[in-house]
Amino acid sequence: MEKNVNTQNTLNPAKWVDLYSDYLYKYAYYRVNNDELAQDLVQDCFLAALNGAETYKGSASEKTWLVSILKNKIIDHYKKASTKNESPLQLSTYDAPSYDYFFDKEAKGHWKSDTKPKEWAATENNFDTKEFYKTLEKCLEQLPEKWKGVFTMSLLDDAEAKSVCKEFEISSSNFWVIIHRAKLQVRACLEKNWFKL
């Protein structure tokens, strides 16, 4: 008896805008926090998909394939933006508290009492609101482009450190420094603008 041959998925570019543009836009916007840029990335995604249609093997759904193209476009954006104006570890183009702002050198790297993380009461602060996400977006916007890209890919897309390092061409130690410093900055920004502790 012959095995049923799984019919490969086929592409239908004429329906992409109707079927996937809203989803892809939200996906991009959540990662870049910029309306125009998210729209541009979705358009670039559709163009790249049209130009690369012959590479589609049908092993994944059309939507999954488009999302993977969009992910690459987002990563390319962060890589290009970060090489234009910043080094991954320098704060010279970034107006934010320095590492010393948070930690006491004389106390061997312990938190300073006024910058120590505070308890966030989830019952008093609803995290699932538009207002919270707008505040989070503003905090992410303050990060340097490369930090934002590394932070987004690692924590929002849940990518492994190894693949993030490969995409952004950084060492493992640079990755962890960027993640640590980005978390410090985002936490401080949220405490100032959302929790008001």
N, C-alpha and C. Protein backbone atom coordinates (compact mmCIF):
# COMPACT_ATOMS: atom_id res chain seq x y z
N MET A 1 0.84 -1.18 0.00
CA MET A 1 0.00 0.00 0.00
C MET A 1 0.89 1.25 0.00
N GLU A 2 0.60 2.19 -0.87
CA GLU A 2 1.38 3.40 -0.97
C GLU A 2 1.05 4.37 0.16
N LYS A 3 2.09 5.06 0.64
CA LYS A 3 1.89 6.10 1.65
C LYS A 3 1.21 7.29 1.00
N ASN A 4 0.35 7.95 1.76
CA ASN A 4 -0.23 9.18 1.26
C ASN A 4 0.86 10.22 1.16
N VAL A 5 0.97 10.81 0.01
CA VAL A 5 1.96 11.86 -0.20
C VAL A 5 1.37 13.16 0.34
N ASN A 6 2.09 13.81 1.24
CA ASN A 6 1.63 15.06 1.80
C ASN A 6 1.76 16.15 0.74
N THR A 7 0.64 16.71 0.34
CA THR A 7 0.67 17.77 -0.66
C THR A 7 1.35 19.00 -0.08
N GLN A 8 2.34 19.48 -0.78
CA GLN A 8 3.07 20.64 -0.29
C GLN A 8 2.19 21.87 -0.32
N ASN A 9 2.42 22.73 0.66
CA ASN A 9 1.75 24.02 0.67
C ASN A 9 2.21 24.80 -0.54
N THR A 10 1.32 25.58 -1.10
CA THR A 10 1.70 26.43 -2.22
C THR A 10 1.51 27.89 -1.83
N LEU A 11 2.24 28.73 -2.52
CA LEU A 11 2.16 30.16 -2.23
C LEU A 11 1.01 30.79 -3.00
N ASN A 12 0.41 31.79 -2.37
CA ASN A 12 -0.66 32.54 -3.01
C ASN A 12 -0.43 34.03 -2.75
N PRO A 13 0.55 34.64 -3.43
CA PRO A 13 0.91 36.04 -3.19
C PRO A 13 -0.24 37.02 -3.32
N ALA A 14 -1.22 36.71 -4.15
CA ALA A 14 -2.35 37.62 -4.35
C ALA A 14 -3.16 37.83 -3.07
N LYS A 15 -3.07 36.90 -2.14
CA LYS A 15 -3.86 36.99 -0.90
C LYS A 15 -3.02 37.38 0.32
N TRP A 16 -1.72 37.58 0.15
CA TRP A 16 -0.85 37.87 1.29
C TRP A 16 -1.29 39.10 2.08
N VAL A 17 -1.60 40.18 1.38
CA VAL A 17 -1.97 41.41 2.07
C VAL A 17 -3.22 41.17 2.91
N ASP A 18 -4.24 40.56 2.31
CA ASP A 18 -5.50 40.31 3.04
C ASP A 18 -5.32 39.34 4.20
N LEU A 19 -4.54 38.30 3.98
CA LEU A 19 -4.41 37.24 4.99
C LEU A 19 -3.40 37.56 6.09
N TYR A 20 -2.28 38.20 5.74
CA TYR A 20 -1.17 38.26 6.69
C TYR A 20 -0.67 39.65 7.08
N SER A 21 -1.08 40.69 6.36
CA SER A 21 -0.48 42.01 6.61
C SER A 21 -0.71 42.50 8.04
N ASP A 22 -1.91 42.33 8.58
CA ASP A 22 -2.17 42.78 9.95
C ASP A 22 -1.29 42.03 10.96
N TYR A 23 -1.23 40.72 10.80
CA TYR A 23 -0.42 39.92 11.72
C TYR A 23 1.06 40.30 11.63
N LEU A 24 1.56 40.41 10.40
CA LEU A 24 2.97 40.74 10.20
C LEU A 24 3.28 42.15 10.71
N TYR A 25 2.36 43.08 10.50
CA TYR A 25 2.56 44.44 10.99
C TYR A 25 2.67 44.44 12.52
N LYS A 26 1.76 43.75 13.19
CA LYS A 26 1.79 43.69 14.67
C LYS A 26 3.08 43.03 15.14
N TYR A 27 3.48 41.98 14.45
CA TYR A 27 4.73 41.28 14.79
C TYR A 27 5.91 42.24 14.68
N ALA A 28 5.97 42.98 13.58
CA ALA A 28 7.09 43.92 13.36
C ALA A 28 7.01 45.09 14.34
N TYR A 29 5.83 45.64 14.52
CA TYR A 29 5.68 46.82 15.39
C TYR A 29 6.10 46.50 16.82
N TYR A 30 5.73 45.32 17.29
CA TYR A 30 6.08 44.91 18.64
C TYR A 30 7.59 44.84 18.84
N ARG A 31 8.32 44.64 17.76
CA ARG A 31 9.77 44.50 17.85
C ARG A 31 10.55 45.77 17.51
N VAL A 32 9.93 46.69 16.77
CA VAL A 32 10.65 47.92 16.41
C VAL A 32 10.03 49.19 16.98
N ASN A 33 8.79 49.10 17.48
CA ASN A 33 8.11 50.23 18.12
C ASN A 33 8.05 51.48 17.25
N ASN A 34 7.84 51.28 15.97
CA ASN A 34 7.78 52.41 15.06
C ASN A 34 6.81 52.05 13.93
N ASP A 35 5.75 52.85 13.79
CA ASP A 35 4.69 52.56 12.83
C ASP A 35 5.21 52.48 11.39
N GLU A 36 5.88 53.54 10.95
CA GLU A 36 6.38 53.58 9.57
C GLU A 36 7.38 52.47 9.29
N LEU A 37 8.28 52.26 10.23
CA LEU A 37 9.29 51.22 10.05
C LEU A 37 8.64 49.84 9.97
N ALA A 38 7.66 49.59 10.82
CA ALA A 38 6.96 48.29 10.79
C ALA A 38 6.29 48.09 9.44
N GLN A 39 5.65 49.13 8.91
CA GLN A 39 5.01 49.03 7.59
C GLN A 39 6.05 48.75 6.50
N ASP A 40 7.17 49.47 6.57
CA ASP A 40 8.24 49.26 5.58
C ASP A 40 8.79 47.84 5.64
N LEU A 41 8.97 47.34 6.85
CA LEU A 41 9.50 45.98 7.00
C LEU A 41 8.55 44.94 6.44
N VAL A 42 7.26 45.14 6.63
CA VAL A 42 6.28 44.20 6.06
C VAL A 42 6.32 44.26 4.54
N GLN A 43 6.41 45.46 3.98
CA GLN A 43 6.52 45.58 2.51
C GLN A 43 7.79 44.90 2.01
N ASP A 44 8.90 45.13 2.72
CA ASP A 44 10.16 44.48 2.34
C ASP A 44 10.03 42.96 2.43
N CYS A 45 9.31 42.50 3.43
CA CYS A 45 9.09 41.06 3.60
C CYS A 45 8.33 40.49 2.39
N PHE A 46 7.25 41.18 2.00
CA PHE A 46 6.47 40.71 0.85
C PHE A 46 7.31 40.71 -0.44
N LEU A 47 8.11 41.77 -0.63
CA LEU A 47 8.96 41.83 -1.83
C LEU A 47 10.00 40.71 -1.83
N ALA A 48 10.62 40.49 -0.67
CA ALA A 48 11.62 39.43 -0.58
C ALA A 48 10.97 38.06 -0.82
N ALA A 49 9.76 37.89 -0.31
CA ALA A 49 9.05 36.62 -0.51
C ALA A 49 8.73 36.40 -2.00
N LEU A 50 8.30 37.46 -2.66
CA LEU A 50 8.03 37.34 -4.10
C LEU A 50 9.29 37.00 -4.87
N ASN A 51 10.38 37.69 -4.54
CA ASN A 51 11.65 37.45 -5.23
C ASN A 51 12.24 36.09 -4.89
N GLY A 52 11.93 35.57 -3.73
CA GLY A 52 12.49 34.28 -3.32
C GLY A 52 11.49 33.15 -3.31
N ALA A 53 10.39 33.32 -4.05
CA ALA A 53 9.32 32.31 -4.05
C ALA A 53 9.82 30.92 -4.43
N GLU A 54 10.84 30.87 -5.29
CA GLU A 54 11.35 29.55 -5.72
C GLU A 54 12.05 28.80 -4.58
N THR A 55 12.41 29.52 -3.50
CA THR A 55 13.06 28.85 -2.37
C THR A 55 12.04 28.23 -1.40
N TYR A 56 10.78 28.55 -1.58
CA TYR A 56 9.73 28.01 -0.70
C TYR A 56 9.54 26.54 -1.01
N LYS A 57 9.77 25.71 -0.01
CA LYS A 57 9.69 24.26 -0.21
C LYS A 57 8.35 23.68 0.22
N GLY A 58 7.53 24.46 0.93
CA GLY A 58 6.22 23.97 1.34
C GLY A 58 6.24 23.17 2.63
N SER A 59 7.40 23.06 3.27
CA SER A 59 7.45 22.28 4.53
C SER A 59 6.86 23.05 5.70
N ALA A 60 6.79 24.36 5.57
CA ALA A 60 6.14 25.20 6.59
C ALA A 60 4.97 25.91 5.94
N SER A 61 4.06 26.40 6.76
CA SER A 61 2.93 27.12 6.19
C SER A 61 3.43 28.43 5.56
N GLU A 62 2.62 28.97 4.70
CA GLU A 62 2.94 30.23 4.04
C GLU A 62 3.17 31.33 5.09
N LYS A 63 2.33 31.37 6.11
CA LYS A 63 2.44 32.38 7.17
C LYS A 63 3.75 32.23 7.93
N THR A 64 4.11 31.02 8.29
CA THR A 64 5.36 30.76 9.01
C THR A 64 6.56 31.18 8.17
N TRP A 65 6.51 30.87 6.89
CA TRP A 65 7.58 31.25 5.97
C TRP A 65 7.72 32.77 5.90
N LEU A 66 6.60 33.48 5.81
CA LEU A 66 6.63 34.95 5.76
C LEU A 66 7.17 35.54 7.07
N VAL A 67 6.79 34.95 8.20
CA VAL A 67 7.29 35.42 9.50
C VAL A 67 8.80 35.25 9.57
N SER A 68 9.31 34.14 9.06
CA SER A 68 10.77 33.94 9.11
C SER A 68 11.49 34.97 8.24
N ILE A 69 10.91 35.33 7.12
CA ILE A 69 11.50 36.38 6.27
C ILE A 69 11.46 37.71 7.01
N LEU A 70 10.32 38.00 7.65
CA LEU A 70 10.19 39.25 8.40
C LEU A 70 11.19 39.32 9.55
N LYS A 71 11.39 38.21 10.25
CA LYS A 71 12.38 38.18 11.33
C LYS A 71 13.76 38.59 10.81
N ASN A 72 14.12 38.05 9.67
CA ASN A 72 15.42 38.39 9.07
C ASN A 72 15.49 39.86 8.68
N LYS A 73 14.38 40.41 8.20
CA LYS A 73 14.34 41.84 7.86
C LYS A 73 14.53 42.70 9.11
N ILE A 74 13.92 42.29 10.22
CA ILE A 74 14.04 43.03 11.48
C ILE A 74 15.48 42.97 11.98
N ILE A 75 16.07 41.80 11.94
CA ILE A 75 17.47 41.64 12.36
C ILE A 75 18.38 42.48 11.48
N ASP A 76 18.15 42.44 10.17
CA ASP A 76 18.95 43.26 9.25
C ASP A 76 18.82 44.74 9.58
N HIS A 77 17.61 45.18 9.91
CA HIS A 77 17.40 46.59 10.28
C HIS A 77 18.26 46.95 11.48
N TYR A 78 18.22 46.13 12.54
CA TYR A 78 18.99 46.44 13.75
C TYR A 78 20.49 46.39 13.49
N LYS A 79 20.92 45.44 12.68
CA LYS A 79 22.35 45.36 12.37
C LYS A 79 22.80 46.59 11.61
N LYS A 80 22.04 46.98 10.61
CA LYS A 80 22.39 48.15 9.79
C LYS A 80 22.35 49.43 10.64
N ALA A 81 21.32 49.58 11.45
CA ALA A 81 21.19 50.78 12.28
C ALA A 81 22.30 50.86 13.32
N SER A 82 22.68 49.73 13.87
CA SER A 82 23.70 49.75 14.92
C SER A 82 25.09 50.04 14.37
N THR A 83 25.36 49.65 13.13
CA THR A 83 26.69 49.93 12.57
C THR A 83 26.81 51.39 12.15
N LYS A 84 25.69 52.06 11.95
CA LYS A 84 25.73 53.47 11.55
C LYS A 84 26.17 54.38 12.68
N ASN A 85 25.69 54.09 13.90
CA ASN A 85 25.88 55.11 14.93
C ASN A 85 26.35 54.65 16.29
N GLU A 86 26.73 53.39 16.44
CA GLU A 86 27.16 53.01 17.78
C GLU A 86 27.99 51.74 17.81
N SER A 87 28.79 51.65 18.80
CA SER A 87 29.49 50.43 19.15
C SER A 87 28.59 49.68 20.11
N PRO A 88 28.60 48.35 20.11
CA PRO A 88 27.64 47.64 20.94
C PRO A 88 27.79 47.88 22.44
N LEU A 89 28.94 48.30 22.91
CA LEU A 89 29.12 48.43 24.35
C LEU A 89 29.40 49.85 24.81
N GLN A 90 29.49 50.78 23.88
CA GLN A 90 29.80 52.15 24.28
C GLN A 90 28.52 52.92 24.54
N LEU A 91 28.57 53.77 25.54
CA LEU A 91 27.41 54.59 25.87
C LEU A 91 27.57 56.01 25.33
N SER A 92 28.57 56.25 24.53
CA SER A 92 28.86 57.62 24.10
C SER A 92 27.70 58.23 23.31
N THR A 93 26.95 57.43 22.57
CA THR A 93 25.82 57.96 21.82
C THR A 93 24.51 57.70 22.55
N TYR A 94 24.60 57.28 23.78
CA TYR A 94 23.42 56.84 24.52
C TYR A 94 23.33 57.57 25.85
N ASP A 95 22.36 58.41 26.01
CA ASP A 95 22.20 59.20 27.21
C ASP A 95 21.40 58.41 28.24
N ALA A 96 22.09 57.60 29.02
CA ALA A 96 21.45 56.77 30.04
C ALA A 96 22.39 56.64 31.22
N PRO A 97 21.84 56.21 32.35
CA PRO A 97 22.72 56.03 33.51
C PRO A 97 23.83 55.03 33.22
N SER A 98 25.03 55.33 33.71
CA SER A 98 26.15 54.41 33.51
C SER A 98 26.02 53.23 34.46
N TYR A 99 26.85 52.23 34.22
CA TYR A 99 26.87 51.04 35.05
C TYR A 99 27.14 51.43 36.50
N ASP A 100 28.02 52.41 36.71
CA ASP A 100 28.36 52.87 38.06
C ASP A 100 27.18 53.52 38.76
N TYR A 101 26.22 53.97 38.00
CA TYR A 101 25.03 54.57 38.59
C TYR A 101 24.29 53.54 39.46
N PHE A 102 24.30 52.28 39.04
CA PHE A 102 23.55 51.24 39.73
C PHE A 102 24.33 50.54 40.84
N PHE A 103 25.66 50.43 40.67
CA PHE A 103 26.46 49.61 41.58
C PHE A 103 27.54 50.42 42.28
N ASP A 104 27.83 50.03 43.49
CA ASP A 104 28.82 50.70 44.31
C ASP A 104 30.17 50.01 44.13
N LYS A 105 31.13 50.72 43.53
CA LYS A 105 32.46 50.13 43.29
C LYS A 105 33.13 49.73 44.60
N GLU A 106 33.02 50.58 45.58
CA GLU A 106 33.68 50.33 46.86
C GLU A 106 33.08 49.15 47.61
N ALA A 107 31.84 48.84 47.33
CA ALA A 107 31.19 47.70 47.99
C ALA A 107 31.23 46.47 47.11
N LYS A 108 32.25 46.40 46.26
CA LYS A 108 32.50 45.24 45.39
C LYS A 108 31.30 44.88 44.50
N GLY A 109 30.74 45.89 43.89
CA GLY A 109 29.68 45.65 42.92
C GLY A 109 28.29 45.44 43.47
N HIS A 110 28.07 45.72 44.73
CA HIS A 110 26.72 45.59 45.29
C HIS A 110 25.87 46.76 44.83
N TRP A 111 24.57 46.54 44.83
CA TRP A 111 23.64 47.59 44.44
C TRP A 111 23.78 48.79 45.37
N LYS A 112 23.64 49.98 44.80
CA LYS A 112 23.51 51.17 45.64
C LYS A 112 22.09 51.13 46.22
N SER A 113 21.94 51.63 47.43
CA SER A 113 20.64 51.51 48.11
C SER A 113 19.50 52.18 47.33
N ASP A 114 19.77 53.31 46.68
CA ASP A 114 18.70 54.01 45.97
C ASP A 114 18.43 53.48 44.56
N THR A 115 19.27 52.56 44.07
CA THR A 115 19.02 51.97 42.74
C THR A 115 18.74 50.48 42.82
N LYS A 116 18.69 49.94 44.02
CA LYS A 116 18.40 48.51 44.21
C LYS A 116 17.01 48.18 43.65
N PRO A 117 16.86 47.03 42.97
CA PRO A 117 15.54 46.67 42.45
C PRO A 117 14.49 46.64 43.56
N LYS A 118 13.33 47.15 43.23
CA LYS A 118 12.24 47.19 44.20
C LYS A 118 11.19 46.17 43.82
N GLU A 119 10.39 45.79 44.77
CA GLU A 119 9.32 44.82 44.54
C GLU A 119 8.24 45.46 43.67
N TRP A 120 7.88 44.81 42.58
CA TRP A 120 6.82 45.31 41.72
C TRP A 120 5.54 44.59 42.09
N ALA A 121 4.57 45.30 42.60
CA ALA A 121 3.30 44.71 43.02
C ALA A 121 2.40 44.53 41.81
N ALA A 122 2.29 43.30 41.34
CA ALA A 122 1.49 43.01 40.15
C ALA A 122 0.02 43.32 40.37
N THR A 123 -0.46 43.22 41.60
CA THR A 123 -1.87 43.47 41.85
C THR A 123 -2.22 44.95 41.67
N GLU A 124 -1.26 45.82 41.95
CA GLU A 124 -1.50 47.25 41.81
C GLU A 124 -1.21 47.75 40.40
N ASN A 125 -0.44 47.01 39.65
CA ASN A 125 -0.03 47.44 38.31
C ASN A 125 -0.46 46.40 37.29
N ASN A 126 -1.45 46.76 36.49
CA ASN A 126 -1.91 45.84 35.47
C ASN A 126 -0.95 45.89 34.28
N PHE A 127 -0.25 44.78 34.03
CA PHE A 127 0.75 44.73 32.97
C PHE A 127 0.14 44.49 31.60
N ASP A 128 -1.13 44.10 31.57
CA ASP A 128 -1.76 43.76 30.30
C ASP A 128 -2.67 44.90 29.82
N THR A 129 -2.10 46.08 29.77
CA THR A 129 -2.86 47.24 29.31
C THR A 129 -2.08 47.95 28.21
N LYS A 130 -2.81 48.72 27.42
CA LYS A 130 -2.16 49.49 26.36
C LYS A 130 -1.19 50.51 26.96
N GLU A 131 -1.58 51.07 28.09
CA GLU A 131 -0.74 52.09 28.73
C GLU A 131 0.61 51.50 29.14
N PHE A 132 0.57 50.28 29.73
CA PHE A 132 1.83 49.65 30.13
C PHE A 132 2.71 49.38 28.92
N TYR A 133 2.11 48.84 27.84
CA TYR A 133 2.90 48.53 26.65
C TYR A 133 3.48 49.79 26.01
N LYS A 134 2.73 50.89 26.06
CA LYS A 134 3.27 52.16 25.54
C LYS A 134 4.47 52.60 26.37
N THR A 135 4.38 52.43 27.68
CA THR A 135 5.51 52.79 28.55
C THR A 135 6.70 51.89 28.26
N LEU A 136 6.44 50.59 28.11
CA LEU A 136 7.52 49.65 27.79
C LEU A 136 8.15 50.00 26.45
N GLU A 137 7.33 50.34 25.46
CA GLU A 137 7.86 50.73 24.15
C GLU A 137 8.78 51.94 24.27
N LYS A 138 8.35 52.94 25.06
CA LYS A 138 9.18 54.14 25.25
C LYS A 138 10.50 53.79 25.92
N CYS A 139 10.46 52.84 26.85
CA CYS A 139 11.70 52.42 27.51
C CYS A 139 12.61 51.69 26.53
N LEU A 140 12.05 50.86 25.68
CA LEU A 140 12.86 50.15 24.69
C LEU A 140 13.43 51.11 23.66
N GLU A 141 12.67 52.15 23.32
CA GLU A 141 13.16 53.14 22.35
C GLU A 141 14.42 53.84 22.85
N GLN A 142 14.62 53.91 24.14
CA GLN A 142 15.77 54.60 24.70
C GLN A 142 17.06 53.78 24.59
N LEU A 143 16.93 52.50 24.29
CA LEU A 143 18.12 51.65 24.16
C LEU A 143 18.81 51.93 22.82
N PRO A 144 20.13 51.78 22.78
CA PRO A 144 20.83 51.85 21.49
C PRO A 144 20.28 50.78 20.55
N GLU A 145 20.36 51.00 19.25
CA GLU A 145 19.77 50.09 18.28
C GLU A 145 20.25 48.64 18.44
N LYS A 146 21.55 48.46 18.61
CA LYS A 146 22.05 47.08 18.72
C LYS A 146 21.51 46.44 19.99
N TRP A 147 21.50 47.18 21.08
CA TRP A 147 20.97 46.64 22.33
C TRP A 147 19.50 46.24 22.15
N LYS A 148 18.75 47.12 21.49
CA LYS A 148 17.32 46.86 21.28
C LYS A 148 17.14 45.58 20.45
N GLY A 149 17.95 45.44 19.41
CA GLY A 149 17.86 44.24 18.57
C GLY A 149 18.21 42.98 19.33
N VAL A 150 19.30 43.02 20.09
CA VAL A 150 19.72 41.85 20.88
C VAL A 150 18.67 41.53 21.93
N PHE A 151 18.19 42.55 22.63
CA PHE A 151 17.18 42.39 23.68
C PHE A 151 15.89 41.79 23.10
N THR A 152 15.44 42.35 21.98
CA THR A 152 14.21 41.89 21.34
C THR A 152 14.32 40.45 20.87
N MET A 153 15.39 40.14 20.17
CA MET A 153 15.55 38.79 19.64
C MET A 153 15.68 37.78 20.77
N SER A 154 16.41 38.14 21.81
CA SER A 154 16.64 37.22 22.91
C SER A 154 15.42 37.04 23.80
N LEU A 155 14.82 38.15 24.22
CA LEU A 155 13.76 38.06 25.22
C LEU A 155 12.35 38.04 24.64
N LEU A 156 12.11 38.72 23.54
CA LEU A 156 10.77 38.71 22.96
C LEU A 156 10.58 37.55 22.00
N ASP A 157 11.61 37.24 21.22
CA ASP A 157 11.52 36.11 20.28
C ASP A 157 12.02 34.81 20.89
N ASP A 158 12.57 34.90 22.10
CA ASP A 158 13.05 33.72 22.82
C ASP A 158 14.11 32.94 22.05
N ALA A 159 14.97 33.67 21.33
CA ALA A 159 16.04 33.03 20.58
C ALA A 159 17.19 32.65 21.51
N GLU A 160 17.89 31.61 21.17
CA GLU A 160 19.04 31.17 21.98
C GLU A 160 20.18 32.18 21.83
N ALA A 161 20.96 32.32 22.89
CA ALA A 161 22.07 33.27 22.90
C ALA A 161 23.01 33.04 21.73
N LYS A 162 23.27 31.78 21.42
CA LYS A 162 24.20 31.44 20.34
C LYS A 162 23.73 32.01 19.00
N SER A 163 22.43 31.88 18.71
CA SER A 163 21.94 32.39 17.42
C SER A 163 21.90 33.92 17.40
N VAL A 164 21.63 34.55 18.57
CA VAL A 164 21.66 36.01 18.64
C VAL A 164 23.09 36.51 18.39
N CYS A 165 24.05 35.85 19.01
CA CYS A 165 25.47 36.21 18.81
C CYS A 165 25.85 36.11 17.34
N LYS A 166 25.40 35.05 16.70
CA LYS A 166 25.72 34.84 15.29
C LYS A 166 25.09 35.93 14.43
N GLU A 167 23.82 36.23 14.67
CA GLU A 167 23.12 37.23 13.87
C GLU A 167 23.74 38.61 14.00
N PHE A 168 24.12 38.99 15.23
CA PHE A 168 24.65 40.32 15.47
C PHE A 168 26.18 40.38 15.47
N GLU A 169 26.79 39.24 15.18
CA GLU A 169 28.24 39.14 15.10
C GLU A 169 28.92 39.70 16.35
N ILE A 170 28.48 39.18 17.50
CA ILE A 170 29.05 39.57 18.79
C ILE A 170 29.48 38.33 19.53
N SER A 171 30.39 38.51 20.47
CA SER A 171 30.85 37.38 21.28
C SER A 171 29.81 37.07 22.35
N SER A 172 29.95 35.91 22.94
CA SER A 172 29.05 35.51 24.02
C SER A 172 29.14 36.48 25.19
N SER A 173 30.35 36.92 25.53
CA SER A 173 30.49 37.84 26.65
C SER A 173 29.86 39.20 26.33
N ASN A 174 29.99 39.67 25.08
CA ASN A 174 29.32 40.91 24.68
C ASN A 174 27.80 40.77 24.79
N PHE A 175 27.30 39.60 24.36
CA PHE A 175 25.86 39.34 24.45
C PHE A 175 25.36 39.52 25.88
N TRP A 176 26.04 38.88 26.82
CA TRP A 176 25.58 38.93 28.21
C TRP A 176 25.72 40.32 28.81
N VAL A 177 26.74 41.04 28.41
CA VAL A 177 26.89 42.43 28.89
C VAL A 177 25.75 43.29 28.36
N ILE A 178 25.44 43.14 27.07
CA ILE A 178 24.36 43.91 26.46
C ILE A 178 23.03 43.58 27.14
N ILE A 179 22.75 42.29 27.31
CA ILE A 179 21.48 41.89 27.93
C ILE A 179 21.39 42.43 29.36
N HIS A 180 22.46 42.31 30.11
CA HIS A 180 22.46 42.78 31.49
C HIS A 180 22.23 44.29 31.55
N ARG A 181 22.97 45.03 30.74
CA ARG A 181 22.83 46.49 30.76
C ARG A 181 21.47 46.94 30.24
N ALA A 182 20.97 46.26 29.21
CA ALA A 182 19.64 46.60 28.68
C ALA A 182 18.56 46.35 29.72
N LYS A 183 18.67 45.24 30.44
CA LYS A 183 17.69 44.96 31.50
C LYS A 183 17.74 46.03 32.59
N LEU A 184 18.95 46.44 32.96
CA LEU A 184 19.09 47.50 33.97
C LEU A 184 18.39 48.78 33.50
N GLN A 185 18.63 49.16 32.25
CA GLN A 185 18.05 50.40 31.73
C GLN A 185 16.53 50.31 31.63
N VAL A 186 16.03 49.18 31.14
CA VAL A 186 14.58 49.03 30.99
C VAL A 186 13.92 49.02 32.37
N ARG A 187 14.52 48.31 33.32
CA ARG A 187 13.96 48.28 34.68
C ARG A 187 13.92 49.68 35.28
N ALA A 188 15.02 50.41 35.17
CA ALA A 188 15.07 51.76 35.74
C ALA A 188 14.03 52.66 35.08
N CYS A 189 13.88 52.52 33.77
CA CYS A 189 12.90 53.33 33.04
C CYS A 189 11.48 52.99 33.48
N LEU A 190 11.18 51.69 33.63
CA LEU A 190 9.83 51.29 34.06
C LEU A 190 9.55 51.76 35.48
N GLU A 191 10.55 51.66 36.34
CA GLU A 191 10.33 52.12 37.72
C GLU A 191 10.07 53.62 37.77
N LYS A 192 10.71 54.34 36.90
CA LYS A 192 10.53 55.80 36.88
C LYS A 192 9.20 56.20 36.23
N ASN A 193 8.84 55.50 35.13
CA ASN A 193 7.69 55.94 34.34
C ASN A 193 6.41 55.15 34.52
N TRP A 194 6.50 53.96 35.08
CA TRP A 194 5.28 53.16 35.26
C TRP A 194 5.00 52.92 36.74
N PHE A 195 5.98 52.41 37.45
CA PHE A 195 5.77 52.06 38.84
C PHE A 195 5.88 53.26 39.78
N LYS A 196 6.65 54.24 39.34
CA LYS A 196 6.85 55.47 40.11
C LYS A 196 7.16 55.18 41.58
N LEU A 197 8.17 54.30 41.77
CA LEU A 197 8.57 53.88 43.12
C LEU A 197 9.46 54.91 43.78
